[in-house]
Amino acid sequence: MQQKTRIGIIGATGYVGAELARILYGHDGFELTLLTSQSFAGKPFSQIYPAFRGLVDLTCRTLDLDEAAALCDIVVTALPHGVSSATVPQLLERGLRVLDHSGDFRYREVAAYEDAYKLTHPEPALLAEAVYGLPELYRTKIGSARLIGDPGCYPTCSILALAPALKGGAVSSDRIIVDAVSGVSGAGRKSDLAYSYCETDESFRAYGVIGHRHTSEIEQELSLLAGRTVAIGFTPHLAPMKRGMLATVYADLMPGVTAESL
């Protein structure tokens, strides 16, 4: 029998961590060996999320870097932006492979990250090593990388919608517009009036119309696909649903390209 890869989730009690636990539970290739949580340390994961009772009964722990290295081969860091960049280097030093879910290792250029997140990156040298975690585009590199920067939600659906047509030269990169919609859980598992039931139910609104931080992340990857600098018009919206995402993308067809030929 093939030995399973031991994997841990750092920041396991947010929505990202819970979804990862669901995917990894019962996976033939992985053994879930560590769940950490600053807010729920000492509590069984199944007490926080009762749907996991009898399935994932690991007790959440505070993060101990040496313990993580002893228990895991790979860790997924589901920590806030700015927190991951301080934690990830210490995990790498201990020989762990890291999949980081924050925005801290998605960018190729430190200036683009710092402009988008309004933070000073403490480990800019690691940006050159990190692989953008979109397997449809970077599967081979991801397979051998020790640090993977998981893409954002809007970038994932927007880039995947455009990649085949843009890379194949079927659409122009001059006038790309992305209208995208997210469910409320995209804001994370936190108390915030703007995302409470009464504020979001039966409501549909645009937000971050100017300068949403995912804009530059999308532009980075589209520019690499197009072989030239790409600027987009991007408008995110919040829909009254728990989860899910939709991106409607508009681009001009190149001369000679028809809808039928696409």
C-alpha atoms as a PDB file:
ATOM      1  CA  MET A   1       0.000   0.000   0.000  1.00  0.00           C
ATOM      2  CA  GLN A   2       1.295   3.458  -0.899  1.00  0.00           C
ATOM      3  CA  GLN A   3       2.177   5.553   2.127  1.00  0.00           C
ATOM      4  CA  LYS A   4      -0.082   8.543   2.586  1.00  0.00           C
ATOM      5  CA  THR A   5       1.290  12.071   2.659  1.00  0.00           C
ATOM      6  CA  ARG A   6       0.796  13.668   6.070  1.00  0.00           C
ATOM      7  CA  ILE A   7      -0.852  17.054   5.833  1.00  0.00           C
ATOM      8  CA  GLY A   8      -1.793  19.739   8.339  1.00  0.00           C
ATOM      9  CA  ILE A   9      -3.984  22.826   8.190  1.00  0.00           C
ATOM     10  CA  ILE A  10      -2.793  25.940  10.007  1.00  0.00           C
ATOM     11  CA  GLY A  11      -5.795  28.131  10.708  1.00  0.00           C
ATOM     12  CA  ALA A  12      -8.192  25.229  10.352  1.00  0.00           C
ATOM     13  CA  THR A  13     -11.397  26.662  11.797  1.00  0.00           C
ATOM     14  CA  GLY A  14     -12.135  29.288   9.158  1.00  0.00           C
ATOM     15  CA  TYR A  15     -14.228  28.443   6.121  1.00  0.00           C
ATOM     16  CA  VAL A  16     -11.149  27.663   4.037  1.00  0.00           C
ATOM     17  CA  GLY A  17      -9.795  25.307   6.687  1.00  0.00           C
ATOM     18  CA  ALA A  18     -13.119  23.528   7.075  1.00  0.00           C
ATOM     19  CA  GLU A  19     -13.470  23.027   3.326  1.00  0.00           C
ATOM     20  CA  LEU A  20      -9.932  21.656   3.154  1.00  0.00           C
ATOM     21  CA  ALA A  21     -10.701  19.236   5.980  1.00  0.00           C
ATOM     22  CA  ARG A  22     -13.757  18.047   4.054  1.00  0.00           C
ATOM     23  CA  ILE A  23     -11.739  17.465   0.887  1.00  0.00           C
ATOM     24  CA  LEU A  24      -8.822  15.773   2.640  1.00  0.00           C
ATOM     25  CA  TYR A  25     -10.903  13.503   4.853  1.00  0.00           C
ATOM     26  CA  GLY A  26     -10.933  10.081   3.296  1.00  0.00           C
ATOM     27  CA  HIS A  27      -8.612  11.076   0.430  1.00  0.00           C
ATOM     28  CA  ASP A  28      -6.564   8.087  -0.645  1.00  0.00           C
ATOM     29  CA  GLY A  29      -3.339  10.079  -0.858  1.00  0.00           C
ATOM     30  CA  PHE A  30      -3.429  12.115   2.353  1.00  0.00           C
ATOM     31  CA  GLU A  31      -3.603  11.656   6.098  1.00  0.00           C
ATOM     32  CA  LEU A  32      -4.841  14.689   8.022  1.00  0.00           C
ATOM     33  CA  THR A  33      -2.486  14.877  11.009  1.00  0.00           C
ATOM     34  CA  LEU A  34      -2.648  18.430  12.374  1.00  0.00           C
ATOM     35  CA  LEU A  35      -5.253  21.159  12.787  1.00  0.00           C
ATOM     36  CA  THR A  36      -4.303  24.437  14.430  1.00  0.00           C
ATOM     37  CA  SER A  37      -6.502  27.287  15.586  1.00  0.00           C
ATOM     38  CA  GLN A  38      -5.686  30.328  17.658  1.00  0.00           C
ATOM     39  CA  SER A  39      -9.324  30.852  18.629  1.00  0.00           C
ATOM     40  CA  PHE A  40     -10.330  27.232  19.326  1.00  0.00           C
ATOM     41  CA  ALA A  41      -7.168  25.595  20.645  1.00  0.00           C
ATOM     42  CA  GLY A  42      -7.979  22.598  22.829  1.00  0.00           C
ATOM     43  CA  LYS A  43     -11.376  21.965  21.243  1.00  0.00           C
ATOM     44  CA  PRO A  44     -12.169  19.031  18.950  1.00  0.00           C
ATOM     45  CA  PHE A  45     -12.670  20.122  15.354  1.00  0.00           C
ATOM     46  CA  SER A  46     -15.972  18.228  15.308  1.00  0.00           C
ATOM     47  CA  GLN A  47     -17.221  20.359  18.195  1.00  0.00           C
ATOM     48  CA  ILE A  48     -16.661  23.508  16.153  1.00  0.00           C
ATOM     49  CA  TYR A  49     -18.130  21.917  13.026  1.00  0.00           C
ATOM     50  CA  PRO A  50     -20.574  19.193  14.182  1.00  0.00           C
ATOM     51  CA  ALA A  51     -20.963  17.882  10.626  1.00  0.00           C
ATOM     52  CA  PHE A  52     -17.481  16.366  11.021  1.00  0.00           C
ATOM     53  CA  ARG A  53     -18.364  14.330  14.129  1.00  0.00           C
ATOM     54  CA  GLY A  54     -17.017  10.823  13.694  1.00  0.00           C
ATOM     55  CA  LEU A  55     -15.109  11.918  10.598  1.00  0.00           C
ATOM     56  CA  VAL A  56     -12.543  14.498  11.691  1.00  0.00           C
ATOM     57  CA  ASP A  57     -12.180  14.353  15.468  1.00  0.00           C
ATOM     58  CA  LEU A  58      -8.686  15.824  15.763  1.00  0.00           C
ATOM     59  CA  THR A  59      -8.289  18.369  18.540  1.00  0.00           C
ATOM     60  CA  CYS A  60      -7.246  21.829  17.398  1.00  0.00           C
ATOM     61  CA  ARG A  61      -3.884  22.978  18.741  1.00  0.00           C
ATOM     62  CA  THR A  62      -1.953  26.188  18.969  1.00  0.00           C
ATOM     63  CA  LEU A  63       0.749  26.354  16.324  1.00  0.00           C
ATOM     64  CA  ASP A  64       4.042  24.809  17.384  1.00  0.00           C
ATOM     65  CA  LEU A  65       6.447  24.937  14.447  1.00  0.00           C
ATOM     66  CA  ASP A  66       8.563  21.994  15.561  1.00  0.00           C
ATOM     67  CA  GLU A  67       5.462  19.911  16.220  1.00  0.00           C
ATOM     68  CA  ALA A  68       4.161  20.763  12.747  1.00  0.00           C
ATOM     69  CA  ALA A  69       7.444  19.584  11.231  1.00  0.00           C
ATOM     70  CA  ALA A  70       7.264  16.319  13.176  1.00  0.00           C
ATOM     71  CA  LEU A  71       3.635  15.578  12.267  1.00  0.00           C
ATOM     72  CA  CYS A  72       3.416  16.777   8.669  1.00  0.00           C
ATOM     73  CA  ASP A  73       5.016  16.541   5.258  1.00  0.00           C
ATOM     74  CA  ILE A  74       2.890  19.356   3.830  1.00  0.00           C
ATOM     75  CA  VAL A  75       1.017  22.178   5.537  1.00  0.00           C
ATOM     76  CA  VAL A  76      -1.661  24.483   4.224  1.00  0.00           C
ATOM     77  CA  THR A  77      -1.557  27.907   5.832  1.00  0.00           C
ATOM     78  CA  ALA A  78      -5.013  29.479   5.966  1.00  0.00           C
ATOM     79  CA  LEU A  79      -3.897  32.586   7.837  1.00  0.00           C
ATOM     80  CA  PRO A  80      -4.602  36.291   7.285  1.00  0.00           C
ATOM     81  CA  HIS A  81      -2.562  38.316   4.836  1.00  0.00           C
ATOM     82  CA  GLY A  82       0.584  39.579   6.532  1.00  0.00           C
ATOM     83  CA  VAL A  83       0.516  36.795   9.115  1.00  0.00           C
ATOM     84  CA  SER A  84       1.362  34.056   6.627  1.00  0.00           C
ATOM     85  CA  SER A  85       4.445  35.860   5.357  1.00  0.00           C
ATOM     86  CA  ALA A  86       5.906  35.794   8.874  1.00  0.00           C
ATOM     87  CA  THR A  87       5.039  32.123   9.463  1.00  0.00           C
ATOM     88  CA  VAL A  88       5.789  30.464   6.126  1.00  0.00           C
ATOM     89  CA  PRO A  89       9.586  31.010   6.155  1.00  0.00           C
ATOM     90  CA  GLN A  90       9.839  29.231   9.512  1.00  0.00           C
ATOM     91  CA  LEU A  91       7.901  26.266   8.138  1.00  0.00           C
ATOM     92  CA  LEU A  92      10.132  26.094   5.071  1.00  0.00           C
ATOM     93  CA  GLU A  93      13.224  26.152   7.271  1.00  0.00           C
ATOM     94  CA  ARG A  94      11.926  23.008   8.954  1.00  0.00           C
ATOM     95  CA  GLY A  95      11.694  21.155   5.659  1.00  0.00           C
ATOM     96  CA  LEU A  96       7.946  21.407   5.120  1.00  0.00           C
ATOM     97  CA  ARG A  97       6.232  22.016   1.817  1.00  0.00           C
ATOM     98  CA  VAL A  98       3.769  24.894   2.152  1.00  0.00           C
ATOM     99  CA  LEU A  99       0.572  25.793   0.326  1.00  0.00           C
ATOM    100  CA  ASP A 100      -0.271  29.318   1.430  1.00  0.00           C
ATOM    101  CA  HIS A 101      -3.835  30.509   1.036  1.00  0.00           C
ATOM    102  CA  SER A 102      -3.252  34.180   1.850  1.00  0.00           C
ATOM    103  CA  GLY A 103      -2.256  36.767  -0.729  1.00  0.00           C
ATOM    104  CA  ASP A 104       1.313  36.905   0.562  1.00  0.00           C
ATOM    105  CA  PHE A 105       2.937  34.681  -2.067  1.00  0.00           C
ATOM    106  CA  ARG A 106       0.755  35.168  -5.148  1.00  0.00           C
ATOM    107  CA  TYR A 107       2.680  38.040  -6.672  1.00  0.00           C
ATOM    108  CA  ARG A 108       5.863  37.976  -8.753  1.00  0.00           C
ATOM    109  CA  GLU A 109       6.793  41.552  -7.844  1.00  0.00           C
ATOM    110  CA  VAL A 110       6.931  42.811  -4.277  1.00  0.00           C
ATOM    111  CA  ALA A 111       5.800  46.306  -5.323  1.00  0.00           C
ATOM    112  CA  ALA A 112       2.555  44.907  -6.753  1.00  0.00           C
ATOM    113  CA  TYR A 113       1.835  43.016  -3.518  1.00  0.00           C
ATOM    114  CA  GLU A 114       2.583  46.003  -1.305  1.00  0.00           C
ATOM    115  CA  ASP A 115       0.416  48.280  -3.431  1.00  0.00           C
ATOM    116  CA  ALA A 116      -2.515  45.829  -3.354  1.00  0.00           C
ATOM    117  CA  TYR A 117      -2.372  44.894   0.335  1.00  0.00           C
ATOM    118  CA  LYS A 118      -0.849  48.052   1.821  1.00  0.00           C
ATOM    119  CA  LEU A 119       1.662  45.917   3.723  1.00  0.00           C
ATOM    120  CA  THR A 120       5.441  45.668   3.672  1.00  0.00           C
ATOM    121  CA  HIS A 121       6.417  42.140   2.660  1.00  0.00           C
ATOM    122  CA  PRO A 122       8.944  40.715   5.163  1.00  0.00           C
ATOM    123  CA  GLU A 123      10.217  37.980   2.809  1.00  0.00           C
ATOM    124  CA  PRO A 124      10.321  39.412  -0.731  1.00  0.00           C
ATOM    125  CA  ALA A 125      13.018  36.943  -1.820  1.00  0.00           C
ATOM    126  CA  LEU A 126      10.509  34.098  -1.500  1.00  0.00           C
ATOM    127  CA  LEU A 127       8.255  35.621  -4.158  1.00  0.00           C
ATOM    128  CA  ALA A 128      10.726  34.527  -6.825  1.00  0.00           C
ATOM    129  CA  GLU A 129      10.494  30.940  -5.583  1.00  0.00           C
ATOM    130  CA  ALA A 130       6.754  30.681  -4.950  1.00  0.00           C
ATOM    131  CA  VAL A 131       4.645  29.039  -7.661  1.00  0.00           C
ATOM    132  CA  TYR A 132       1.199  30.420  -8.437  1.00  0.00           C
ATOM    133  CA  GLY A 133      -1.149  27.639  -7.397  1.00  0.00           C
ATOM    134  CA  LEU A 134      -3.417  27.356 -10.416  1.00  0.00           C
ATOM    135  CA  PRO A 135      -2.917  23.769 -11.626  1.00  0.00           C
ATOM    136  CA  GLU A 136      -4.632  24.364 -14.954  1.00  0.00           C
ATOM    137  CA  LEU A 137      -1.704  26.661 -15.816  1.00  0.00           C
ATOM    138  CA  TYR A 138       1.185  25.542 -13.599  1.00  0.00           C
ATOM    139  CA  ARG A 139       0.641  21.850 -12.857  1.00  0.00           C
ATOM    140  CA  THR A 140       4.246  20.776 -13.536  1.00  0.00           C
ATOM    141  CA  LYS A 141       5.792  23.555 -11.450  1.00  0.00           C
ATOM    142  CA  ILE A 142       3.358  22.944  -8.596  1.00  0.00           C
ATOM    143  CA  GLY A 143       4.361  19.287  -8.473  1.00  0.00           C
ATOM    144  CA  SER A 144       7.942  20.098  -7.495  1.00  0.00           C
ATOM    145  CA  ALA A 145       7.489  23.393  -5.625  1.00  0.00           C
ATOM    146  CA  ARG A 146       8.123  23.710  -1.916  1.00  0.00           C
ATOM    147  CA  LEU A 147       6.088  26.951  -1.708  1.00  0.00           C
ATOM    148  CA  ILE A 148       2.794  27.471  -3.516  1.00  0.00           C
ATOM    149  CA  GLY A 149       0.766  30.674  -3.364  1.00  0.00           C
ATOM    150  CA  ASP A 150      -2.860  29.652  -3.796  1.00  0.00           C
ATOM    151  CA  PRO A 151      -4.735  32.066  -6.082  1.00  0.00           C
ATOM    152  CA  GLY A 152      -7.533  34.291  -4.891  1.00  0.00           C
ATOM    153  CA  CYS A 153     -11.182  33.473  -5.505  1.00  0.00           C
ATOM    154  CA  TYR A 154     -11.979  36.109  -8.125  1.00  0.00           C
ATOM    155  CA  PRO A 155      -8.638  35.573  -9.903  1.00  0.00           C
ATOM    156  CA  THR A 156      -9.291  31.833 -10.158  1.00  0.00           C
ATOM    157  CA  CYS A 157     -12.596  32.105 -12.007  1.00  0.00           C
ATOM    158  CA  SER A 158     -11.542  35.151 -14.044  1.00  0.00           C
ATOM    159  CA  ILE A 159      -8.209  33.738 -15.227  1.00  0.00           C
ATOM    160  CA  LEU A 160      -9.660  30.325 -16.057  1.00  0.00           C
ATOM    161  CA  ALA A 161     -12.422  31.959 -18.090  1.00  0.00           C
ATOM    162  CA  LEU A 162      -9.923  33.903 -20.199  1.00  0.00           C
ATOM    163  CA  ALA A 163      -6.827  31.702 -20.340  1.00  0.00           C
ATOM    164  CA  PRO A 164      -7.675  29.464 -23.334  1.00  0.00           C
ATOM    165  CA  ALA A 165      -8.909  32.302 -25.549  1.00  0.00           C
ATOM    166  CA  LEU A 166      -6.161  34.729 -24.561  1.00  0.00           C
ATOM    167  CA  LYS A 167      -3.322  32.231 -24.873  1.00  0.00           C
ATOM    168  CA  GLY A 168      -4.720  30.974 -28.172  1.00  0.00           C
ATOM    169  CA  GLY A 169      -4.914  34.473 -29.623  1.00  0.00           C
ATOM    170  CA  ALA A 170      -8.681  34.359 -30.049  1.00  0.00           C
ATOM    171  CA  VAL A 171      -9.421  37.531 -28.080  1.00  0.00           C
ATOM    172  CA  SER A 172      -7.794  40.921 -27.761  1.00  0.00           C
ATOM    173  CA  SER A 173      -6.159  41.882 -24.487  1.00  0.00           C
ATOM    174  CA  ASP A 174      -6.985  45.563 -24.984  1.00  0.00           C
ATOM    175  CA  ARG A 175     -10.504  45.799 -23.540  1.00  0.00           C
ATOM    176  CA  ILE A 176     -11.186  43.071 -21.014  1.00  0.00           C
ATOM    177  CA  ILE A 177     -14.032  43.521 -18.538  1.00  0.00           C
ATOM    178  CA  VAL A 178     -14.751  41.169 -15.645  1.00  0.00           C
ATOM    179  CA  ASP A 179     -18.021  41.327 -13.700  1.00  0.00           C
ATOM    180  CA  ALA A 180     -17.834  38.835 -10.840  1.00  0.00           C
ATOM    181  CA  VAL A 181     -20.173  37.735  -8.066  1.00  0.00           C
ATOM    182  CA  SER A 182     -19.284  36.103  -4.737  1.00  0.00           C
ATOM    183  CA  GLY A 183     -21.220  34.512  -1.918  1.00  0.00           C
ATOM    184  CA  VAL A 184     -20.996  35.929   1.604  1.00  0.00           C
ATOM    185  CA  SER A 185     -18.614  33.259   2.925  1.00  0.00           C
ATOM    186  CA  GLY A 186     -15.929  34.787   0.711  1.00  0.00           C
ATOM    187  CA  ALA A 187     -15.515  37.438   3.396  1.00  0.00           C
ATOM    188  CA  GLY A 188     -14.425  34.800   5.910  1.00  0.00           C
ATOM    189  CA  ARG A 189     -15.772  33.499   9.204  1.00  0.00           C
ATOM    190  CA  LYS A 190     -15.968  36.668  11.240  1.00  0.00           C
ATOM    191  CA  SER A 191     -18.459  39.006  12.841  1.00  0.00           C
ATOM    192  CA  ASP A 192     -18.972  41.990  10.563  1.00  0.00           C
ATOM    193  CA  LEU A 193     -22.130  44.067  10.216  1.00  0.00           C
ATOM    194  CA  ALA A 194     -21.700  44.397   6.453  1.00  0.00           C
ATOM    195  CA  TYR A 195     -21.961  40.615   6.064  1.00  0.00           C
ATOM    196  CA  SER A 196     -24.723  39.950   8.588  1.00  0.00           C
ATOM    197  CA  TYR A 197     -28.011  38.371   7.514  1.00  0.00           C
ATOM    198  CA  CYS A 198     -30.074  41.566   7.570  1.00  0.00           C
ATOM    199  CA  GLU A 199     -27.464  43.446   5.533  1.00  0.00           C
ATOM    200  CA  THR A 200     -27.015  40.796   2.833  1.00  0.00           C
ATOM    201  CA  ASP A 201     -30.352  38.997   2.479  1.00  0.00           C
ATOM    202  CA  GLU A 202     -32.307  40.088  -0.611  1.00  0.00           C
ATOM    203  CA  SER A 203     -29.452  42.437  -1.459  1.00  0.00           C
ATOM    204  CA  PHE A 204     -27.073  42.511  -4.416  1.00  0.00           C
ATOM    205  CA  ARG A 205     -24.355  45.137  -4.485  1.00  0.00           C
ATOM    206  CA  ALA A 206     -21.071  46.067  -6.064  1.00  0.00           C
ATOM    207  CA  TYR A 207     -18.112  46.821  -3.813  1.00  0.00           C
ATOM    208  CA  GLY A 208     -14.421  47.628  -4.208  1.00  0.00           C
ATOM    209  CA  VAL A 209     -15.208  49.167  -7.584  1.00  0.00           C
ATOM    210  CA  ILE A 210     -11.970  51.137  -7.630  1.00  0.00           C
ATOM    211  CA  GLY A 211      -8.786  49.379  -6.609  1.00  0.00           C
ATOM    212  CA  HIS A 212      -9.961  45.931  -5.493  1.00  0.00           C
ATOM    213  CA  ARG A 213      -6.776  44.047  -4.629  1.00  0.00           C
ATOM    214  CA  HIS A 214      -7.614  41.082  -6.835  1.00  0.00           C
ATOM    215  CA  THR A 215      -7.439  43.301  -9.928  1.00  0.00           C
ATOM    216  CA  SER A 216      -3.649  43.359 -10.027  1.00  0.00           C
ATOM    217  CA  GLU A 217      -3.453  39.617  -9.359  1.00  0.00           C
ATOM    218  CA  ILE A 218      -5.680  38.919 -12.360  1.00  0.00           C
ATOM    219  CA  GLU A 219      -3.695  41.370 -14.485  1.00  0.00           C
ATOM    220  CA  GLN A 220      -0.423  39.698 -13.504  1.00  0.00           C
ATOM    221  CA  GLU A 221      -1.470  36.293 -14.812  1.00  0.00           C
ATOM    222  CA  LEU A 222      -3.282  37.582 -17.898  1.00  0.00           C
ATOM    223  CA  SER A 223      -0.193  39.601 -18.821  1.00  0.00           C
ATOM    224  CA  LEU A 224       1.927  36.459 -18.653  1.00  0.00           C
ATOM    225  CA  LEU A 225      -0.564  34.609 -20.853  1.00  0.00           C
ATOM    226  CA  ALA A 226      -0.775  37.425 -23.395  1.00  0.00           C
ATOM    227  CA  GLY A 227       2.936  38.216 -23.439  1.00  0.00           C
ATOM    228  CA  ARG A 228       2.192  41.896 -22.879  1.00  0.00           C
ATOM    229  CA  THR A 229       0.861  44.175 -20.157  1.00  0.00           C
ATOM    230  CA  VAL A 230      -2.878  43.677 -19.669  1.00  0.00           C
ATOM    231  CA  ALA A 231      -5.167  46.051 -17.782  1.00  0.00           C
ATOM    232  CA  ILE A 232      -8.753  45.067 -17.026  1.00  0.00           C
ATOM    233  CA  GLY A 233     -11.962  46.599 -15.794  1.00  0.00           C
ATOM    234  CA  PHE A 234     -12.987  44.566 -12.741  1.00  0.00           C
ATOM    235  CA  THR A 235     -16.133  44.943 -10.651  1.00  0.00           C
ATOM    236  CA  PRO A 236     -16.864  42.499  -7.799  1.00  0.00           C
ATOM    237  CA  HIS A 237     -20.365  42.016  -6.385  1.00  0.00           C
ATOM    238  CA  LEU A 238     -21.771  40.461  -3.229  1.00  0.00           C
ATOM    239  CA  ALA A 239     -24.786  38.189  -3.713  1.00  0.00           C
ATOM    240  CA  PRO A 240     -27.223  36.926  -1.033  1.00  0.00           C
ATOM    241  CA  MET A 241     -25.935  33.349  -1.032  1.00  0.00           C
ATOM    242  CA  LYS A 242     -23.659  31.444   1.337  1.00  0.00           C
ATOM    243  CA  ARG A 243     -21.049  30.323  -1.153  1.00  0.00           C
ATOM    244  CA  GLY A 244     -20.275  30.224  -4.824  1.00  0.00           C
ATOM    245  CA  MET A 245     -18.805  32.471  -7.487  1.00  0.00           C
ATOM    246  CA  LEU A 246     -19.574  33.560 -11.027  1.00  0.00           C
ATOM    247  CA  ALA A 247     -17.426  35.611 -13.394  1.00  0.00           C
ATOM    248  CA  THR A 248     -18.823  37.049 -16.605  1.00  0.00           C
ATOM    249  CA  VAL A 249     -15.927  38.112 -18.803  1.00  0.00           C
ATOM    250  CA  TYR A 250     -16.079  40.351 -21.877  1.00  0.00           C
ATOM    251  CA  ALA A 251     -13.348  40.644 -24.510  1.00  0.00           C
ATOM    252  CA  ASP A 252     -13.176  41.628 -28.175  1.00  0.00           C
ATOM    253  CA  LEU A 253     -12.614  38.836 -30.672  1.00  0.00           C
ATOM    254  CA  MET A 254      -9.514  39.102 -32.816  1.00  0.00           C
ATOM    255  CA  PRO A 255     -10.083  39.751 -36.551  1.00  0.00           C
ATOM    256  CA  GLY A 256     -11.249  36.629 -38.317  1.00  0.00           C
ATOM    257  CA  VAL A 257     -12.372  34.875 -35.140  1.00  0.00           C
ATOM    258  CA  THR A 258     -16.068  34.038 -34.895  1.00  0.00           C
ATOM    259  CA  ALA A 259     -18.211  32.761 -32.060  1.00  0.00           C
ATOM    260  CA  GLU A 260     -18.585  29.503 -33.956  1.00  0.00           C
ATOM    261  CA  SER A 261     -14.827  29.012 -34.290  1.00  0.00           C
ATOM    262  CA  LEU A 262     -14.360  29.448 -30.563  1.00  0.00           C
END
